[in-house]
PDB file of N, CA and C in Angstrom:
ATOM      1  N   MET A   1      -7.018   5.859  23.879  1.00  0.00           N
ATOM      2  CA  MET A   1      -7.388   5.556  22.515  1.00  0.00           C
ATOM      3  C   MET A   1      -7.766   6.848  21.801  1.00  0.00           C
ATOM      4  N   GLU A   2      -7.375   6.905  20.551  1.00  0.00           N
ATOM      5  CA  GLU A   2      -7.705   8.058  19.709  1.00  0.00           C
ATOM      6  C   GLU A   2      -8.541   7.598  18.528  1.00  0.00           C
ATOM      7  N   ILE A   3      -9.341   8.500  17.986  1.00  0.00           N
ATOM      8  CA  ILE A   3     -10.095   8.212  16.768  1.00  0.00           C
ATOM      9  C   ILE A   3      -9.336   8.804  15.590  1.00  0.00           C
ATOM     10  N   ILE A   4      -9.160   7.999  14.555  1.00  0.00           N
ATOM     11  CA  ILE A   4      -8.553   8.453  13.310  1.00  0.00           C
ATOM     12  C   ILE A   4      -9.689   8.921  12.402  1.00  0.00           C
ATOM     13  N   SER A   5      -9.707  10.189  12.061  1.00  0.00           N
ATOM     14  CA  SER A   5     -10.763  10.732  11.198  1.00  0.00           C
ATOM     15  C   SER A   5     -10.549  10.296   9.756  1.00  0.00           C
ATOM     16  N   ILE A   6     -11.643   9.919   9.119  1.00  0.00           N
ATOM     17  CA  ILE A   6     -11.616   9.548   7.709  1.00  0.00           C
ATOM     18  C   ILE A   6     -12.672  10.392   7.011  1.00  0.00           C
ATOM     19  N   ASP A   7     -12.248  11.191   6.054  1.00  0.00           N
ATOM     20  CA  ASP A   7     -13.169  12.059   5.315  1.00  0.00           C
ATOM     21  C   ASP A   7     -13.695  11.302   4.097  1.00  0.00           C
ATOM     22  N   LYS A   8     -14.861  10.666   4.256  1.00  0.00           N
ATOM     23  CA  LYS A   8     -15.434   9.853   3.176  1.00  0.00           C
ATOM     24  C   LYS A   8     -15.721  10.671   1.925  1.00  0.00           C
ATOM     25  N   THR A   9     -15.952  11.968   2.080  1.00  0.00           N
ATOM     26  CA  THR A   9     -16.285  12.796   0.913  1.00  0.00           C
ATOM     27  C   THR A   9     -15.063  13.036   0.029  1.00  0.00           C
ATOM     28  N   GLN A  10     -13.869  12.728   0.519  1.00  0.00           N
ATOM     29  CA  GLN A  10     -12.637  12.975  -0.232  1.00  0.00           C
ATOM     30  C   GLN A  10     -12.007  11.692  -0.770  1.00  0.00           C
ATOM     31  N   LEU A  11     -12.703  10.567  -0.716  1.00  0.00           N
ATOM     32  CA  LEU A  11     -12.127   9.286  -1.142  1.00  0.00           C
ATOM     33  C   LEU A  11     -11.740   9.288  -2.612  1.00  0.00           C
ATOM     34  N   PRO A  12     -10.609   8.698  -3.000  1.00  0.00           N
ATOM     35  CA  PRO A  12      -9.636   8.127  -2.088  1.00  0.00           C
ATOM     36  C   PRO A  12      -9.000   9.220  -1.234  1.00  0.00           C
ATOM     37  N   TYR A  13      -8.873   8.919   0.042  1.00  0.00           N
ATOM     38  CA  TYR A  13      -8.456   9.885   1.052  1.00  0.00           C
ATOM     39  C   TYR A  13      -7.086   9.498   1.587  1.00  0.00           C
ATOM     40  N   LYS A  14      -6.175  10.446   1.586  1.00  0.00           N
ATOM     41  CA  LYS A  14      -4.805  10.202   2.025  1.00  0.00           C
ATOM     42  C   LYS A  14      -4.512  11.062   3.248  1.00  0.00           C
ATOM     43  N   THR A  15      -3.923  10.441   4.273  1.00  0.00           N
ATOM     44  CA  THR A  15      -3.558  11.173   5.473  1.00  0.00           C
ATOM     45  C   THR A  15      -2.248  10.617   6.035  1.00  0.00           C
ATOM     46  N   THR A  16      -1.508  11.480   6.678  1.00  0.00           N
ATOM     47  CA  THR A  16      -0.258  11.065   7.319  1.00  0.00           C
ATOM     48  C   THR A  16      -0.452  11.114   8.821  1.00  0.00           C
ATOM     49  N   ILE A  17      -0.045  10.041   9.467  1.00  0.00           N
ATOM     50  CA  ILE A  17      -0.161   9.938  10.917  1.00  0.00           C
ATOM     51  C   ILE A  17       1.240   9.753  11.485  1.00  0.00           C
ATOM     52  N   ARG A  18       1.573  10.625  12.405  1.00  0.00           N
ATOM     53  CA  ARG A  18       2.894  10.543  13.056  1.00  0.00           C
ATOM     54  C   ARG A  18       2.742   9.752  14.343  1.00  0.00           C
ATOM     55  N   LEU A  19       3.529   8.689  14.461  1.00  0.00           N
ATOM     56  CA  LEU A  19       3.528   7.841  15.645  1.00  0.00           C
ATOM     57  C   LEU A  19       4.946   7.840  16.198  1.00  0.00           C
ATOM     58  N   GLY A  20       5.141   8.582  17.272  1.00  0.00           N
ATOM     59  CA  GLY A  20       6.495   8.757  17.798  1.00  0.00           C
ATOM     60  C   GLY A  20       7.317   9.558  16.808  1.00  0.00           C
ATOM     61  N   LYS A  21       8.442   9.005  16.384  1.00  0.00           N
ATOM     62  CA  LYS A  21       9.320   9.690  15.434  1.00  0.00           C
ATOM     63  C   LYS A  21       9.071   9.262  13.997  1.00  0.00           C
ATOM     64  N   THR A  22       8.097   8.375  13.786  1.00  0.00           N
ATOM     65  CA  THR A  22       7.853   7.811  12.465  1.00  0.00           C
ATOM     66  C   THR A  22       6.512   8.265  11.911  1.00  0.00           C
ATOM     67  N   SER A  23       6.500   8.643  10.634  1.00  0.00           N
ATOM     68  CA  SER A  23       5.261   9.022   9.955  1.00  0.00           C
ATOM     69  C   SER A  23       4.825   7.904   9.016  1.00  0.00           C
ATOM     70  N   PHE A  24       3.535   7.622   9.035  1.00  0.00           N
ATOM     71  CA  PHE A  24       2.935   6.632   8.151  1.00  0.00           C
ATOM     72  C   PHE A  24       1.868   7.319   7.315  1.00  0.00           C
ATOM     73  N   THR A  25       1.784   6.933   6.062  1.00  0.00           N
ATOM     74  CA  THR A  25       0.743   7.458   5.189  1.00  0.00           C
ATOM     75  C   THR A  25      -0.308   6.380   4.980  1.00  0.00           C
ATOM     76  N   PHE A  26      -1.551   6.764   5.200  1.00  0.00           N
ATOM     77  CA  PHE A  26      -2.690   5.880   5.005  1.00  0.00           C
ATOM     78  C   PHE A  26      -3.487   6.406   3.811  1.00  0.00           C
ATOM     79  N   VAL A  27      -3.853   5.517   2.903  1.00  0.00           N
ATOM     80  CA  VAL A  27      -4.714   5.878   1.785  1.00  0.00           C
ATOM     81  C   VAL A  27      -5.977   5.035   1.921  1.00  0.00           C
ATOM     82  N   PHE A  28      -7.092   5.706   2.199  1.00  0.00           N
ATOM     83  CA  PHE A  28      -8.379   5.037   2.360  1.00  0.00           C
ATOM     84  C   PHE A  28      -9.123   5.071   1.038  1.00  0.00           C
ATOM     85  N   GLN A  29      -9.683   3.914   0.664  1.00  0.00           N
ATOM     86  CA  GLN A  29     -10.451   3.810  -0.570  1.00  0.00           C
ATOM     87  C   GLN A  29     -11.766   3.096  -0.265  1.00  0.00           C
ATOM     88  N   TYR A  30     -12.700   3.203  -1.203  1.00  0.00           N
ATOM     89  CA  TYR A  30     -14.018   2.608  -0.997  1.00  0.00           C
ATOM     90  C   TYR A  30     -14.436   1.854  -2.242  1.00  0.00           C
ATOM     91  N   ASN A  31     -14.953   0.643  -2.028  1.00  0.00           N
ATOM     92  CA  ASN A  31     -15.501  -0.169  -3.106  1.00  0.00           C
ATOM     93  C   ASN A  31     -17.018  -0.131  -2.982  1.00  0.00           C
ATOM     94  N   LEU A  32     -17.663   0.573  -3.902  1.00  0.00           N
ATOM     95  CA  LEU A  32     -19.117   0.771  -3.859  1.00  0.00           C
ATOM     96  C   LEU A  32     -19.870  -0.548  -3.978  1.00  0.00           C
ATOM     97  N   ILE A  33     -19.439  -1.419  -4.875  1.00  0.00           N
ATOM     98  CA  ILE A  33     -20.137  -2.688  -5.105  1.00  0.00           C
ATOM     99  C   ILE A  33     -20.130  -3.547  -3.829  1.00  0.00           C
ATOM    100  N   ALA A  34     -18.992  -3.637  -3.172  1.00  0.00           N
ATOM    101  CA  ALA A  34     -18.869  -4.469  -1.967  1.00  0.00           C
ATOM    102  C   ALA A  34     -19.213  -3.718  -0.686  1.00  0.00           C
ATOM    103  N   ASP A  35     -19.416  -2.392  -0.780  1.00  0.00           N
ATOM    104  CA  ASP A  35     -19.624  -1.543   0.399  1.00  0.00           C
ATOM    105  C   ASP A  35     -18.511  -1.817   1.411  1.00  0.00           C
ATOM    106  N   LEU A  36     -17.264  -1.656   0.918  1.00  0.00           N
ATOM    107  CA  LEU A  36     -16.078  -2.024   1.679  1.00  0.00           C
ATOM    108  C   LEU A  36     -15.015  -0.945   1.574  1.00  0.00           C
ATOM    109  N   PHE A  37     -14.446  -0.588   2.715  1.00  0.00           N
ATOM    110  CA  PHE A  37     -13.316   0.340   2.750  1.00  0.00           C
ATOM    111  C   PHE A  37     -12.027  -0.468   2.811  1.00  0.00           C
ATOM    112  N   THR A  38     -11.004   0.038   2.110  1.00  0.00           N
ATOM    113  CA  THR A  38      -9.681  -0.575   2.182  1.00  0.00           C
ATOM    114  C   THR A  38      -8.653   0.502   2.493  1.00  0.00           C
ATOM    115  N   VAL A  39      -7.483   0.047   2.943  1.00  0.00           N
ATOM    116  CA  VAL A  39      -6.421   0.966   3.334  1.00  0.00           C
ATOM    117  C   VAL A  39      -5.099   0.493   2.756  1.00  0.00           C
ATOM    118  N   ASP A  40      -4.350   1.434   2.195  1.00  0.00           N
ATOM    119  CA  ASP A  40      -2.959   1.201   1.814  1.00  0.00           C
ATOM    120  C   ASP A  40      -2.113   1.875   2.876  1.00  0.00           C
ATOM    121  N   LEU A  41      -0.966   1.279   3.196  1.00  0.00           N
ATOM    122  CA  LEU A  41      -0.082   1.831   4.213  1.00  0.00           C
ATOM    123  C   LEU A  41       1.314   2.003   3.639  1.00  0.00           C
ATOM    124  N   MET A  42       1.876   3.198   3.872  1.00  0.00           N
ATOM    125  CA  MET A  42       3.230   3.489   3.414  1.00  0.00           C
ATOM    126  C   MET A  42       4.036   4.106   4.554  1.00  0.00           C
ATOM    127  N   LYS A  43       5.316   3.827   4.515  1.00  0.00           N
ATOM    128  CA  LYS A  43       6.271   4.431   5.438  1.00  0.00           C
ATOM    129  C   LYS A  43       7.312   5.093   4.553  1.00  0.00           C
ATOM    130  N   GLY A  44       7.247   6.425   4.460  1.00  0.00           N
ATOM    131  CA  GLY A  44       8.077   7.134   3.485  1.00  0.00           C
ATOM    132  C   GLY A  44       7.639   6.732   2.089  1.00  0.00           C
ATOM    133  N   ASP A  45       8.582   6.313   1.257  1.00  0.00           N
ATOM    134  CA  ASP A  45       8.255   5.861  -0.102  1.00  0.00           C
ATOM    135  C   ASP A  45       8.006   4.362  -0.174  1.00  0.00           C
ATOM    136  N   GLU A  46       8.135   3.684   0.949  1.00  0.00           N
ATOM    137  CA  GLU A  46       7.986   2.223   0.973  1.00  0.00           C
ATOM    138  C   GLU A  46       6.525   1.833   1.192  1.00  0.00           C
ATOM    139  N   ILE A  47       5.996   1.017   0.291  1.00  0.00           N
ATOM    140  CA  ILE A  47       4.633   0.498   0.431  1.00  0.00           C
ATOM    141  C   ILE A  47       4.690  -0.720   1.342  1.00  0.00           C
ATOM    142  N   LEU A  48       3.930  -0.669   2.435  1.00  0.00           N
ATOM    143  CA  LEU A  48       3.902  -1.771   3.388  1.00  0.00           C
ATOM    144  C   LEU A  48       2.709  -2.691   3.181  1.00  0.00           C
ATOM    145  N   ALA A  49       1.569  -2.134   2.787  1.00  0.00           N
ATOM    146  CA  ALA A  49       0.359  -2.935   2.582  1.00  0.00           C
ATOM    147  C   ALA A  49      -0.540  -2.227   1.576  1.00  0.00           C
ATOM    148  N   ILE A  50      -1.228  -3.029   0.773  1.00  0.00           N
ATOM    149  CA  ILE A  50      -2.169  -2.487  -0.216  1.00  0.00           C
ATOM    150  C   ILE A  50      -3.492  -3.224  -0.076  1.00  0.00           C
ATOM    151  N   GLY A  51      -4.573  -2.458  -0.026  1.00  0.00           N
ATOM    152  CA  GLY A  51      -5.908  -3.044  -0.048  1.00  0.00           C
ATOM    153  C   GLY A  51      -6.321  -3.780   1.202  1.00  0.00           C
ATOM    154  N   GLU A  52      -5.790  -3.391   2.350  1.00  0.00           N
ATOM    155  CA  GLU A  52      -6.173  -4.022   3.613  1.00  0.00           C
ATOM    156  C   GLU A  52      -7.621  -3.619   3.937  1.00  0.00           C
ATOM    157  N   PRO A  53      -8.545  -4.588   4.077  1.00  0.00           N
ATOM    158  CA  PRO A  53      -9.950  -4.226   4.331  1.00  0.00           C
ATOM    159  C   PRO A  53     -10.189  -3.782   5.767  1.00  0.00           C
ATOM    160  N   LEU A  54     -11.103  -2.839   5.941  1.00  0.00           N
ATOM    161  CA  LEU A  54     -11.552  -2.447   7.272  1.00  0.00           C
ATOM    162  C   LEU A  54     -12.646  -3.423   7.669  1.00  0.00           C
ATOM    163  N   ILE A  55     -12.330  -4.290   8.602  1.00  0.00           N
ATOM    164  CA  ILE A  55     -13.273  -5.296   9.083  1.00  0.00           C
ATOM    165  C   ILE A  55     -13.555  -4.996  10.549  1.00  0.00           C
ATOM    166  N   TYR A  56     -14.828  -4.935  10.877  1.00  0.00           N
ATOM    167  CA  TYR A  56     -15.244  -4.551  12.218  1.00  0.00           C
ATOM    168  C   TYR A  56     -14.533  -5.385  13.290  1.00  0.00           C
ATOM    169  N   GLY A  57     -13.962  -4.691  14.281  1.00  0.00           N
ATOM    170  CA  GLY A  57     -13.341  -5.342  15.419  1.00  0.00           C
ATOM    171  C   GLY A  57     -12.009  -6.015  15.145  1.00  0.00           C
ATOM    172  N   THR A  58     -11.519  -5.929  13.924  1.00  0.00           N
ATOM    173  CA  THR A  58     -10.279  -6.593  13.536  1.00  0.00           C
ATOM    174  C   THR A  58      -9.185  -5.551  13.313  1.00  0.00           C
ATOM    175  N   PRO A  59      -8.041  -5.711  13.981  1.00  0.00           N
ATOM    176  CA  PRO A  59      -6.959  -4.741  13.791  1.00  0.00           C
ATOM    177  C   PRO A  59      -6.449  -4.720  12.350  1.00  0.00           C
ATOM    178  N   LEU A  60      -6.285  -3.522  11.807  1.00  0.00           N
ATOM    179  CA  LEU A  60      -5.656  -3.387  10.490  1.00  0.00           C
ATOM    180  C   LEU A  60      -4.230  -3.911  10.567  1.00  0.00           C
ATOM    181  N   PHE A  61      -3.794  -4.540   9.502  1.00  0.00           N
ATOM    182  CA  PHE A  61      -2.412  -5.032   9.374  1.00  0.00           C
ATOM    183  C   PHE A  61      -2.068  -6.058  10.451  1.00  0.00           C
ATOM    184  N   GLY A  62      -3.074  -6.713  11.018  1.00  0.00           N
ATOM    185  CA  GLY A  62      -2.854  -7.697  12.072  1.00  0.00           C
ATOM    186  C   GLY A  62      -2.103  -8.934  11.621  1.00  0.00           C
ATOM    187  N   ASN A  63      -2.070  -9.182  10.322  1.00  0.00           N
ATOM    188  CA  ASN A  63      -1.354 -10.348   9.804  1.00  0.00           C
ATOM    189  C   ASN A  63       0.109 -10.052   9.524  1.00  0.00           C
ATOM    190  N   PHE A  64       0.532  -8.824   9.762  1.00  0.00           N
ATOM    191  CA  PHE A  64       1.910  -8.432   9.491  1.00  0.00           C
ATOM    192  C   PHE A  64       2.675  -8.312  10.803  1.00  0.00           C
ATOM    193  N   TYR A  65       3.722  -9.079  10.929  1.00  0.00           N
ATOM    194  CA  TYR A  65       4.557  -9.017  12.132  1.00  0.00           C
ATOM    195  C   TYR A  65       5.947  -8.590  11.692  1.00  0.00           C
ATOM    196  N   ASP A  66       6.105  -7.305  11.563  1.00  0.00           N
ATOM    197  CA  ASP A  66       7.306  -6.749  10.955  1.00  0.00           C
ATOM    198  C   ASP A  66       7.613  -5.437  11.663  1.00  0.00           C
ATOM    199  N   GLU A  67       8.859  -5.175  11.952  1.00  0.00           N
ATOM    200  CA  GLU A  67       9.246  -3.963  12.681  1.00  0.00           C
ATOM    201  C   GLU A  67       8.967  -2.682  11.914  1.00  0.00           C
ATOM    202  N   ARG A  68       8.675  -2.776  10.613  1.00  0.00           N
ATOM    203  CA  ARG A  68       8.378  -1.578   9.826  1.00  0.00           C
ATOM    204  C   ARG A  68       6.975  -1.045  10.099  1.00  0.00           C
ATOM    205  N   PHE A  69       6.095  -1.868  10.613  1.00  0.00           N
ATOM    206  CA  PHE A  69       4.697  -1.501  10.839  1.00  0.00           C
ATOM    207  C   PHE A  69       4.536  -0.764  12.167  1.00  0.00           C
ATOM    208  N   PRO A  70       3.439  -0.016  12.300  1.00  0.00           N
ATOM    209  CA  PRO A  70       3.187   0.688  13.566  1.00  0.00           C
ATOM    210  C   PRO A  70       3.130  -0.277  14.741  1.00  0.00           C
ATOM    211  N   LYS A  71       3.538   0.201  15.895  1.00  0.00           N
ATOM    212  CA  LYS A  71       3.545  -0.609  17.116  1.00  0.00           C
ATOM    213  C   LYS A  71       2.224  -0.497  17.870  1.00  0.00           C
ATOM    214  N   CYS A  72       1.216  -0.004  17.205  1.00  0.00           N
ATOM    215  CA  CYS A  72      -0.115   0.125  17.792  1.00  0.00           C
ATOM    216  C   CYS A  72      -1.104  -0.567  16.861  1.00  0.00           C
ATOM    217  N   ALA A  73      -2.340  -0.648  17.289  1.00  0.00           N
ATOM    218  CA  ALA A  73      -3.387  -1.258  16.478  1.00  0.00           C
ATOM    219  C   ALA A  73      -4.364  -0.179  16.007  1.00  0.00           C
ATOM    220  N   PHE A  74      -4.940  -0.408  14.839  1.00  0.00           N
ATOM    221  CA  PHE A  74      -5.998   0.443  14.296  1.00  0.00           C
ATOM    222  C   PHE A  74      -7.214  -0.462  14.151  1.00  0.00           C
ATOM    223  N   ILE A  75      -8.248  -0.187  14.961  1.00  0.00           N
ATOM    224  CA  ILE A  75      -9.385  -1.102  15.040  1.00  0.00           C
ATOM    225  C   ILE A  75     -10.695  -0.367  14.776  1.00  0.00           C
ATOM    226  N   PRO A  76     -11.468  -0.788  13.753  1.00  0.00           N
ATOM    227  CA  PRO A  76     -12.799  -0.219  13.525  1.00  0.00           C
ATOM    228  C   PRO A  76     -13.763  -0.755  14.595  1.00  0.00           C
ATOM    229  N   PHE A  77     -14.445   0.157  15.283  1.00  0.00           N
ATOM    230  CA  PHE A  77     -15.279  -0.260  16.408  1.00  0.00           C
ATOM    231  C   PHE A  77     -16.408   0.731  16.642  1.00  0.00           C
ATOM    232  N   ASP A  78     -17.555   0.214  17.056  1.00  0.00           N
ATOM    233  CA  ASP A  78     -18.710   1.023  17.455  1.00  0.00           C
ATOM    234  C   ASP A  78     -18.799   0.987  18.975  1.00  0.00           C
ATOM    235  N   PRO A  79     -18.530   2.123  19.640  1.00  0.00           N
ATOM    236  CA  PRO A  79     -18.553   2.113  21.108  1.00  0.00           C
ATOM    237  C   PRO A  79     -19.911   1.736  21.699  1.00  0.00           C
ATOM    238  N   SER A  80     -20.992   1.926  20.956  1.00  0.00           N
ATOM    239  CA  SER A  80     -22.304   1.522  21.456  1.00  0.00           C
ATOM    240  C   SER A  80     -22.543   0.032  21.256  1.00  0.00           C
ATOM    241  N   GLU A  81     -21.702  -0.596  20.433  1.00  0.00           N
ATOM    242  CA  GLU A  81     -21.778  -2.017  20.102  1.00  0.00           C
ATOM    243  C   GLU A  81     -23.106  -2.398  19.459  1.00  0.00           C
ATOM    244  N   LYS A  82     -23.749  -1.453  18.779  1.00  0.00           N
ATOM    245  CA  LYS A  82     -24.999  -1.733  18.074  1.00  0.00           C
ATOM    246  C   LYS A  82     -24.753  -2.142  16.631  1.00  0.00           C
ATOM    247  N   VAL A  83     -23.616  -1.741  16.085  1.00  0.00           N
ATOM    248  CA  VAL A  83     -23.280  -2.011  14.688  1.00  0.00           C
ATOM    249  C   VAL A  83     -22.072  -2.932  14.651  1.00  0.00           C
ATOM    250  N   THR A  84     -22.077  -3.863  13.706  1.00  0.00           N
ATOM    251  CA  THR A  84     -20.957  -4.809  13.630  1.00  0.00           C
ATOM    252  C   THR A  84     -20.363  -4.900  12.229  1.00  0.00           C
ATOM    253  N   ARG A  85     -20.545  -3.862  11.438  1.00  0.00           N
ATOM    254  CA  ARG A  85     -19.961  -3.832  10.103  1.00  0.00           C
ATOM    255  C   ARG A  85     -19.389  -2.450   9.823  1.00  0.00           C
ATOM    256  N   VAL A  86     -18.562  -2.373   8.785  1.00  0.00           N
ATOM    257  CA  VAL A  86     -17.921  -1.106   8.431  1.00  0.00           C
ATOM    258  C   VAL A  86     -18.280  -0.766   6.988  1.00  0.00           C
ATOM    259  N   GLY A  87     -19.509  -0.361   6.761  1.00  0.00           N
ATOM    260  CA  GLY A  87     -19.950   0.066   5.440  1.00  0.00           C
ATOM    261  C   GLY A  87     -20.026   1.580   5.371  1.00  0.00           C
ATOM    262  N   TRP A  88     -20.488   2.077   4.239  1.00  0.00           N
ATOM    263  CA  TRP A  88     -20.563   3.516   4.007  1.00  0.00           C
ATOM    264  C   TRP A  88     -21.386   4.226   5.091  1.00  0.00           C
ATOM    265  N   HIS A  89     -22.542   3.652   5.418  1.00  0.00           N
ATOM    266  CA  HIS A  89     -23.446   4.308   6.374  1.00  0.00           C
ATOM    267  C   HIS A  89     -22.972   4.182   7.818  1.00  0.00           C
ATOM    268  N   GLU A  90     -22.051   3.273   8.088  1.00  0.00           N
ATOM    269  CA  GLU A  90     -21.579   3.062   9.455  1.00  0.00           C
ATOM    270  C   GLU A  90     -20.302   3.854   9.775  1.00  0.00           C
ATOM    271  N   LEU A  91     -19.352   3.883   8.835  1.00  0.00           N
ATOM    272  CA  LEU A  91     -18.063   4.516   9.109  1.00  0.00           C
ATOM    273  C   LEU A  91     -18.227   6.023   9.311  1.00  0.00           C
ATOM    274  N   GLY A  92     -17.750   6.482  10.441  1.00  0.00           N
ATOM    275  CA  GLY A  92     -17.838   7.903  10.767  1.00  0.00           C
ATOM    276  C   GLY A  92     -19.166   8.309  11.369  1.00  0.00           C
ATOM    277  N   GLU A  93     -20.117   7.394  11.394  1.00  0.00           N
ATOM    278  CA  GLU A  93     -21.428   7.665  12.001  1.00  0.00           C
ATOM    279  C   GLU A  93     -21.535   6.949  13.348  1.00  0.00           C
ATOM    280  N   SER A  94     -21.356   5.636  13.317  1.00  0.00           N
ATOM    281  CA  SER A  94     -21.376   4.852  14.559  1.00  0.00           C
ATOM    282  C   SER A  94     -20.090   4.048  14.730  1.00  0.00           C
ATOM    283  N   VAL A  95     -19.434   3.717  13.625  1.00  0.00           N
ATOM    284  CA  VAL A  95     -18.168   2.984  13.671  1.00  0.00           C
ATOM    285  C   VAL A  95     -17.031   3.960  13.387  1.00  0.00           C
ATOM    286  N   PHE A  96     -16.010   3.907  14.233  1.00  0.00           N
ATOM    287  CA  PHE A  96     -14.857   4.787  14.088  1.00  0.00           C
ATOM    288  C   PHE A  96     -13.591   3.947  14.091  1.00  0.00           C
ATOM    289  N   LEU A  97     -12.548   4.487  13.466  1.00  0.00           N
ATOM    290  CA  LEU A  97     -11.264   3.805  13.458  1.00  0.00           C
ATOM    291  C   LEU A  97     -10.461   4.298  14.655  1.00  0.00           C
ATOM    292  N   TYR A  98     -10.211   3.394  15.599  1.00  0.00           N
ATOM    293  CA  TYR A  98      -9.500   3.738  16.829  1.00  0.00           C
ATOM    294  C   TYR A  98      -8.032   3.354  16.723  1.00  0.00           C
ATOM    295  N   LEU A  99      -7.174   4.243  17.192  1.00  0.00           N
ATOM    296  CA  LEU A  99      -5.755   3.964  17.352  1.00  0.00           C
ATOM    297  C   LEU A  99      -5.603   3.476  18.791  1.00  0.00           C
ATOM    298  N   VAL A 100      -5.121   2.243  18.948  1.00  0.00           N
ATOM    299  CA  VAL A 100      -5.036   1.611  20.265  1.00  0.00           C
ATOM    300  C   VAL A 100      -3.585   1.206  20.533  1.00  0.00           C
ATOM    301  N   TRP A 101      -3.024   1.734  21.598  1.00  0.00           N
ATOM    302  CA  TRP A 101      -1.665   1.383  22.010  1.00  0.00           C
ATOM    303  C   TRP A 101      -1.732   0.175  22.940  1.00  0.00           C
ATOM    304  N   PRO A 102      -0.664  -0.618  23.013  1.00  0.00           N
ATOM    305  CA  PRO A 102      -0.671  -1.788  23.914  1.00  0.00           C
ATOM    306  C   PRO A 102      -1.058  -1.437  25.349  1.00  0.00           C
ATOM    307  N   GLU A 103      -0.619  -0.290  25.840  1.00  0.00           N
ATOM    308  CA  GLU A 103      -0.971   0.077  27.221  1.00  0.00           C
ATOM    309  C   GLU A 103      -2.457   0.378  27.377  1.00  0.00           C
ATOM    310  N   ASP A 104      -3.144   0.785  26.283  1.00  0.00           N
ATOM    311  CA  ASP A 104      -4.597   0.987  26.343  1.00  0.00           C
ATOM    312  C   ASP A 104      -5.296  -0.329  26.633  1.00  0.00           C
ATOM    313  N   ILE A 105      -4.814  -1.392  25.998  1.00  0.00           N
ATOM    314  CA  ILE A 105      -5.425  -2.719  26.177  1.00  0.00           C
ATOM    315  C   ILE A 105      -5.156  -3.233  27.589  1.00  0.00           C
ATOM    316  N   GLU A 106      -3.960  -3.010  28.084  1.00  0.00           N
ATOM    317  CA  GLU A 106      -3.589  -3.471  29.418  1.00  0.00           C
ATOM    318  C   GLU A 106      -4.427  -2.794  30.502  1.00  0.00           C
ATOM    319  N   ASN A 107      -4.917  -1.580  30.231  1.00  0.00           N
ATOM    320  CA  ASN A 107      -5.678  -0.825  31.229  1.00  0.00           C
ATOM    321  C   ASN A 107      -7.170  -1.026  31.148  1.00  0.00           C
ATOM    322  N   VAL A 108      -7.625  -1.914  30.258  1.00  0.00           N
ATOM    323  CA  VAL A 108      -9.065  -2.151  30.109  1.00  0.00           C
ATOM    324  C   VAL A 108      -9.528  -3.185  31.109  1.00  0.00           C
TER     325      VAL A 108
END
């Protein structure tokens, strides 16, 4: 498992992640009123998802079953299991966005 770094000081924050031969662009945004992070996902110029919320323990884009999406999961998680939300004070402090491949899950 890898941690995907999110620079909260640069929001909206855009980063490209290469997975195998394919690059995906993630745009992280923050809603101050709701204390909620969201993610847009693009593959090249194609928009795959807009406004996907970061919900603790829930894989991003989990409702999409399409070959265009990454073949791995992105899951917000606190390894100490003391925090169960993904707000401003939690993300990057105790909760991190993990990139999880299917073989990572099989080996747990």
